[in-house]
Protein backbone atom coordinates (compact mmCIF):
# COMPACT_ATOMS: atom_id res chain seq x y z
CA MET A 1 58.02 131.65 33.61
CA LYS A 2 62.41 130.39 34.61
CA HIS A 3 60.81 130.93 38.59
CA THR A 4 57.80 128.54 37.16
CA SER A 5 59.53 125.75 35.60
CA ARG A 6 62.29 125.90 38.57
CA ASN A 7 59.64 125.28 40.73
CA ALA A 8 57.74 122.33 39.02
CA SER A 9 61.07 120.50 38.36
CA GLU A 10 61.80 120.97 42.49
CA ALA A 11 57.50 119.43 42.56
CA VAL A 12 58.86 116.34 40.23
CA ALA A 13 61.86 115.84 42.15
CA SER A 14 60.00 115.52 45.74
CA ARG A 15 57.95 113.10 44.42
CA ALA A 16 60.68 111.06 42.48
CA LEU A 17 62.75 110.94 45.31
CA PRO A 18 61.77 109.72 49.03
CA TRP A 19 64.65 111.15 50.70
CA ALA A 20 63.63 114.88 49.99
CA ASP A 21 59.96 114.14 51.40
CA ARG A 22 58.76 114.86 55.02
CA LYS A 23 58.48 112.46 56.35
CA TYR A 24 61.98 111.02 55.34
CA GLY A 25 62.75 114.00 57.29
CA ALA A 26 65.10 115.59 54.86
CA ARG A 27 64.61 118.53 51.98
CA VAL A 28 66.88 119.05 49.69
CA PRO A 29 68.60 122.69 49.59
CA ARG A 30 67.44 125.07 46.54
CA GLY A 31 71.25 124.95 45.10
CA GLY A 32 71.82 122.04 47.52
CA SER A 33 74.09 118.85 46.61
CA LEU A 34 71.30 115.33 47.23
CA GLY A 35 75.13 113.63 47.29
CA ALA A 36 75.60 115.95 50.68
CA VAL A 37 72.58 115.73 52.06
CA ASN A 38 73.36 111.54 51.98
CA CYS A 39 76.44 112.05 53.22
CA GLU A 40 74.86 113.92 56.49
CA GLY A 41 72.70 111.71 56.78
CA ALA A 42 74.76 108.74 56.36
CA THR A 43 77.28 110.03 59.38
CA GLY A 44 74.38 110.55 61.83
CA SER A 45 73.33 107.11 61.17
CA ARG A 46 76.59 105.51 61.82
CA ASP A 47 77.14 108.28 65.11
CA ALA A 48 73.43 105.94 66.00
CA ALA A 49 74.40 102.87 65.57
CA ARG A 50 78.06 103.78 67.15
CA VAL A 51 76.36 104.76 70.65
CA SER A 52 74.32 101.91 70.58
CA THR A 53 76.44 99.80 70.29
CA ILE A 54 78.11 101.51 73.54
CA VAL A 55 75.22 101.39 74.82
CA ARG A 56 74.42 97.74 74.27
CA ALA A 57 78.37 96.77 75.28
CA ARG A 58 77.62 99.22 78.60
CA ASP A 59 74.40 96.73 79.79
CA SER A 60 75.45 93.62 78.76
CA VAL A 61 78.46 93.96 81.28
CA PHE A 62 75.64 95.66 84.18
CA ALA A 63 73.82 92.75 83.65
CA ALA A 64 76.70 90.41 84.11
CA CYS A 65 77.72 91.80 87.48
CA GLY A 66 76.02 90.64 91.47
CA ALA A 67 75.34 92.29 94.44
CA PHE A 68 79.28 91.49 94.98
CA GLU A 69 80.45 93.53 91.91
CA TRP A 70 78.02 96.64 93.08
CA VAL A 71 80.06 96.00 96.54
CA THR A 72 82.87 96.07 95.79
CA LEU A 73 83.06 98.81 93.19
CA LEU A 74 81.59 100.65 96.28
CA TYR A 75 83.79 99.75 98.96
CA LEU A 76 86.94 100.59 95.78
CA SER A 77 84.84 104.65 95.20
CA ILE A 78 84.81 105.50 98.99
CA VAL A 79 88.62 104.63 99.20
CA ASN A 80 89.33 107.29 96.16
CA THR A 81 87.04 109.74 97.07
CA LEU A 82 89.19 109.68 100.35
CA ILE A 83 92.28 109.62 98.76
CA VAL A 84 91.41 112.30 96.86
CA ALA A 85 90.20 114.51 99.25
CA PHE A 86 93.19 113.33 101.76
CA ARG A 87 96.06 113.53 99.08
CA ALA A 88 98.19 115.60 100.45
CA ASN A 89 98.98 112.68 103.62
CA LEU A 90 99.30 109.74 101.33
CA PRO A 91 102.97 110.14 98.87
CA ALA A 92 102.27 108.52 95.08
CA ALA A 93 98.17 109.04 96.11
CA SER A 94 97.77 109.10 92.27
CA ILE A 95 99.19 105.27 92.30
CA TYR A 96 96.57 104.27 94.68
CA ILE A 97 93.58 105.41 92.62
CA VAL A 98 94.62 103.97 89.32
CA ILE A 99 95.63 100.62 91.21
CA HIS A 100 91.75 100.85 91.94
CA GLU A 101 90.39 101.76 88.26
CA CYS A 102 92.07 98.88 87.44
CA ILE A 103 90.82 96.31 89.69
CA ALA A 104 87.73 97.89 89.11
CA ALA A 105 88.04 97.42 85.08
CA ALA A 106 89.33 93.55 85.92
CA ILE A 107 86.69 92.78 87.69
CA LEU A 108 83.95 94.01 84.97
CA ILE A 109 85.84 91.72 82.46
CA ILE A 110 85.93 89.21 84.58
CA CYS A 111 81.76 89.47 84.55
CA TRP A 112 81.68 90.21 81.51
CA SER A 113 84.11 87.32 79.93
CA ALA A 114 82.88 84.21 82.13
CA ALA A 115 78.70 85.66 81.07
CA LYS A 116 79.82 85.36 77.34
CA TRP A 117 81.64 82.53 77.26
CA ASN A 118 80.51 79.20 78.17
CA ASP A 119 84.20 78.38 79.86
CA ALA A 120 85.32 76.41 82.73
CA ARG A 121 88.37 78.47 83.92
CA LEU A 122 86.42 81.57 84.01
CA ARG A 123 83.24 80.50 85.68
CA PHE A 124 85.69 79.48 88.49
CA VAL A 125 87.90 82.74 88.20
CA ARG A 126 84.56 84.51 88.27
CA HIS A 127 83.18 83.14 91.78
CA TRP A 128 86.44 83.22 93.39
CA TYR A 129 88.12 86.20 92.52
CA ALA A 130 86.81 88.29 95.71
CA LEU A 131 90.04 86.08 97.48
CA PRO A 132 93.06 87.46 96.54
CA LEU A 133 90.99 91.12 96.30
CA TYR A 134 90.44 90.60 100.47
CA ILE A 135 93.87 89.91 101.33
CA TYR A 136 95.59 92.92 98.68
CA PHE A 137 93.04 95.29 99.91
CA PHE A 138 93.76 94.41 103.84
CA GLU A 139 97.67 94.67 103.25
CA GLU A 140 97.05 98.47 101.16
CA LEU A 141 96.12 99.83 104.48
CA ARG A 142 99.32 99.69 106.15
CA SER A 143 99.30 102.77 103.40
CA LEU A 144 96.12 104.57 104.25
CA VAL A 145 95.73 103.99 107.90
CA HIS A 146 96.70 107.52 108.38
CA LEU A 147 95.34 108.52 105.49
CA ILE A 148 93.09 111.42 107.29
CA PHE A 149 94.38 111.05 111.44
CA PRO A 150 97.84 110.85 111.78
CA ARG A 151 98.18 109.76 114.97
CA TRP A 152 96.42 106.08 116.67
CA PHE A 153 92.95 105.69 118.93
CA ASP A 154 94.38 102.71 120.53
CA ALA A 155 94.25 105.07 124.18
CA PHE A 156 90.15 104.85 123.81
CA LEU A 157 90.22 101.19 123.73
CA ILE A 158 93.05 100.32 125.78
CA GLN A 159 90.59 102.24 128.48
CA PHE A 160 87.46 100.11 127.98
CA ASP A 161 89.04 97.69 127.76
CA TYR A 162 90.95 97.80 130.90
CA SER A 163 87.51 99.15 132.44
CA ILE A 164 86.33 95.68 132.40
CA GLY A 165 88.05 93.99 135.03
CA HIS A 166 90.33 97.05 136.20
CA VAL A 167 93.46 94.30 133.79
CA ASP A 168 95.17 94.98 130.23
CA PRO A 169 93.29 91.46 128.95
CA SER A 170 96.00 90.97 126.62
CA ILE A 171 98.50 91.46 129.00
CA TRP A 172 97.29 89.57 132.04
CA LEU A 173 96.29 86.34 130.10
CA THR A 174 100.12 85.56 129.35
CA ARG A 175 100.56 84.87 132.78
CA PHE A 176 98.16 81.33 131.65
CA ALA A 177 101.05 81.35 128.87
CA ASN A 178 102.94 77.86 128.10
CA PRO A 179 104.69 76.52 124.15
CA ALA A 180 101.37 73.37 124.27
CA LEU A 181 98.68 76.57 124.45
CA ASN A 182 100.45 79.24 122.46
CA ASP A 183 100.95 76.12 120.07
CA PHE A 184 96.86 75.69 120.32
CA MET A 185 95.77 79.14 120.41
CA GLN A 186 97.56 79.90 117.68
CA PHE A 187 95.88 77.54 115.75
CA SER A 188 92.98 78.47 116.50
CA TYR A 189 94.15 82.15 115.53
CA MET A 190 94.66 81.10 111.99
CA THR A 191 90.85 78.66 111.21
CA TYR A 192 90.18 82.02 110.19
CA PHE A 193 91.80 81.27 106.33
CA ILE A 194 89.71 77.58 106.80
CA TYR A 195 86.41 79.91 107.46
CA LEU A 196 86.44 81.48 103.83
CA VAL A 197 87.38 79.04 102.07
CA ALA A 198 85.53 75.70 103.33
CA LEU A 199 81.72 76.76 103.44
CA PRO A 200 81.00 78.43 100.20
CA ALA A 201 83.89 75.57 98.38
CA ILE A 202 81.07 73.23 99.53
CA LEU A 203 78.31 75.41 98.21
CA TYR A 204 80.45 75.96 95.09
CA MET A 205 80.40 71.63 94.86
CA ARG A 206 77.24 71.49 95.71
CA ARG A 207 76.20 74.46 92.89
CA GLU A 208 74.10 76.00 95.57
CA PHE A 209 74.87 79.21 94.09
CA ARG A 210 72.40 81.94 95.73
CA ALA A 211 73.45 80.52 99.10
CA PHE A 212 77.46 80.08 97.78
CA TRP A 213 77.23 84.36 96.37
CA THR A 214 75.13 85.08 100.61
CA VAL A 215 78.01 84.28 101.82
CA MET A 216 80.53 85.56 99.33
CA THR A 217 78.44 89.04 99.61
CA SER A 218 78.34 88.78 102.84
CA THR A 219 81.41 88.56 103.67
CA ALA A 220 82.68 91.37 101.78
CA VAL A 221 80.22 93.39 103.90
CA ALA A 222 81.48 93.00 106.22
CA HIS A 223 85.86 93.57 105.11
CA TYR A 224 84.94 96.20 103.51
CA SER A 225 83.39 97.86 106.57
CA VAL A 226 86.53 96.85 108.83
CA TYR A 227 88.56 98.46 106.61
CA VAL A 228 86.91 101.96 105.97
CA ILE A 229 86.45 102.01 109.56
CA SER A 230 90.10 101.38 109.86
CA ILE A 231 91.10 104.38 107.73
CA LEU A 232 88.57 106.58 110.07
CA PHE A 233 90.03 105.11 113.39
CA PRO A 234 93.50 104.63 113.06
CA VAL A 235 94.25 101.47 115.99
CA GLU A 236 97.50 99.73 115.52
CA SER A 237 97.02 96.56 117.96
CA PRO A 238 98.34 95.48 121.22
CA HIS A 239 101.17 93.86 119.87
CA PHE A 240 102.31 97.56 118.96
CA ALA A 241 101.04 99.53 121.31
CA LEU A 242 102.03 96.88 124.65
CA ALA A 243 105.05 96.39 122.70
CA ALA A 244 107.04 96.17 125.99
CA LEU A 245 104.72 94.94 127.93
CA GLN A 246 104.20 91.95 126.35
CA PRO A 247 106.03 88.99 125.93
CA HIS A 248 107.44 86.86 123.53
CA LEU A 249 105.66 83.43 122.91
CA THR A 250 107.01 80.53 122.32
CA GLY A 251 105.41 77.56 121.18
CA GLY A 252 105.27 74.20 117.96
CA VAL A 253 104.23 74.28 114.67
CA SER A 254 101.48 76.50 114.64
CA THR A 255 103.31 79.35 116.59
CA ALA A 256 106.41 78.81 113.86
CA LEU A 257 103.76 79.40 110.77
CA ILE A 258 102.29 81.91 112.92
CA ASN A 259 105.18 83.43 113.01
CA PHE A 260 106.32 83.09 109.58
CA ILE A 261 102.67 84.49 107.98
CA GLU A 262 102.92 87.60 110.42
CA SER A 263 106.53 88.81 108.69
CA PHE A 264 105.71 89.23 105.76
CA GLY A 265 102.05 90.09 106.34
CA ARG A 266 100.99 91.99 109.02
CA VAL A 267 99.75 95.00 108.72
CA HIS A 268 100.75 97.71 111.28
CA GLY A 269 97.07 99.21 111.65
CA ALA A 270 94.44 98.06 110.40
CA ALA A 271 92.23 96.71 114.49
CA PHE A 272 89.73 97.74 115.16
CA PRO A 273 87.35 96.88 113.95
CA SER A 274 88.88 92.63 114.30
CA ALA A 275 88.76 91.41 110.38
CA HIS A 276 89.37 87.69 111.29
CA VAL A 277 86.17 87.99 113.24
CA ALA A 278 83.88 90.25 111.18
CA GLY A 279 84.96 87.63 108.50
CA SER A 280 84.38 83.50 110.19
CA MET A 281 81.15 85.90 112.16
CA VAL A 282 79.89 85.98 108.50
CA ALA A 283 81.04 82.24 108.10
CA ILE A 284 79.54 80.52 111.39
CA LEU A 285 75.74 82.32 110.62
CA ALA A 286 76.32 81.67 107.59
CA SER A 287 77.08 77.75 108.55
CA TRP A 288 74.08 77.99 111.03
CA ARG A 289 71.85 78.61 107.82
CA TYR A 290 73.24 76.23 104.92
CA ARG A 291 75.26 73.24 107.11
CA ARG A 292 74.69 73.05 110.65
CA TRP A 293 77.13 70.19 110.62
CA LEU A 294 79.87 72.39 110.55
CA PHE A 295 78.28 74.95 112.73
CA TRP A 296 78.53 72.26 115.07
CA LEU A 297 81.54 71.48 114.38
CA CYS A 298 83.47 75.65 113.76
CA LEU A 299 81.48 76.98 117.23
CA PRO A 300 83.98 75.90 119.61
CA PHE A 301 87.28 77.51 117.33
CA PHE A 302 85.65 80.18 116.70
CA ALA A 303 85.33 80.72 120.28
CA CYS A 304 89.00 79.73 120.84
CA MET A 305 89.51 82.65 118.25
CA MET A 306 88.13 85.09 119.47
CA VAL A 307 90.33 84.50 122.46
CA ALA A 308 93.31 84.19 120.25
CA THR A 309 93.23 87.46 118.94
CA VAL A 310 93.44 88.84 122.41
CA TYR A 311 95.86 86.17 123.41
CA GLY A 312 98.13 87.34 120.85
CA GLY A 313 98.10 90.75 121.39
CA TYR A 314 96.62 90.78 117.69
CA HIS A 315 93.77 92.33 119.02
CA TYR A 316 91.60 94.58 121.76
CA VAL A 317 88.27 93.16 123.86
CA ALA A 318 87.34 96.08 121.60
CA ASP A 319 88.32 95.06 118.55
CA VAL A 320 86.95 91.68 119.25
CA LEU A 321 82.89 93.22 119.99
CA ALA A 322 83.08 95.31 117.25
CA GLY A 323 83.98 92.57 114.45
CA THR A 324 81.12 90.43 115.83
CA LEU A 325 79.45 93.43 115.47
CA THR A 326 80.80 94.20 112.08
CA GLY A 327 80.13 90.93 110.76
CA ALA A 328 76.45 90.40 112.07
CA ILE A 329 75.58 93.19 110.67
CA GLY A 330 77.69 92.11 107.34
CA PHE A 331 75.58 89.18 107.47
CA ALA A 332 72.10 90.82 107.19
CA VAL A 333 72.88 93.50 104.27
CA GLY A 334 75.09 91.05 102.53
CA SER A 335 71.41 88.38 102.62
CA ARG A 336 69.11 91.58 101.96
CA LEU A 337 71.72 92.41 98.66
CA VAL A 338 71.61 88.88 97.10
CA ASN A 339 68.41 88.39 97.67
CA ARG A 340 66.83 91.63 95.45
CA ALA A 341 66.56 91.34 91.58
CA GLY A 342 70.21 91.53 89.89
CA GLY A 343 71.66 90.07 93.03
CA LEU A 344 73.08 87.26 91.54
CA PRO A 345 75.71 87.12 88.85
CA ARG A 346 74.27 85.44 85.60
CA ILE A 347 76.83 83.50 85.09
CA SER A 348 75.33 81.57 88.06
CA GLU A 349 72.48 81.74 86.95
CA THR A 350 72.65 79.47 83.81
CA LEU A 351 75.29 77.47 85.76
């Protein structure tokens, strides 16, 4: 009788309490406690809500990124992988990895913040943070160029250049050196910095954001390709490899300015391919597509800049040719990436 009475009580409880029904996924165990079931259910709900919140936050961060961010994060991943693989060749390798991870985190925060809040300062940073990135990534190559190989490969490029005209071009060109020509060549060399900013600035002010991000992403592809190749194939440039044969060039304001900049920012290595030529090639091709008048304005200086890189001993002819090819490929790849679904960052689509 006691057993029958207990079964009847459980049946009543089952009908009276919905959380004891099967459709709610839990039954009170024999001799158990309803409070324990409630506690376990509440804990599971909180865990599920927490996971759902994390997933939504992750998705919102990723949705705010565009092709430029994915290219930059891929570059950081490649460099960090190389650092881990060859960490024995790099003092304080862990510091570089931490710095790169912090940069990646900062990029994601900038993208998410600019997509979430309608703030003009955030939008400006969101569009232009790439420029200091290029400078930092290039400058850190001074420590990374011998990450894999402890030697320089200039001999191959010297031989290639010599095979063209049976002279060393950077040495041969100095026979024409004079202060006026030196100054003009140094000015032409510095126009690279104008190319990086001029067209993107015009597109930004005209709110042509698809074109803007095409230029920025293409420039990133070109520059990051140069940086990776510089690690895989370290070249120090004629300035160092042929130093005994390079005369000191004297000139005016442009020469003094470039000497001042180089005294702080010259990187021993990272000469092949030429980052100057690669980045400028992207700007020239983009100008032809988006602002034809700017293309014709910059073309003579672009041609002079390619000569100036050799004239000033910054690069070999091989560096210039490789930089031209890298820039052209970078523009083609960057254009395709931006035109794919998700290529434009969300902030640009809503401005």
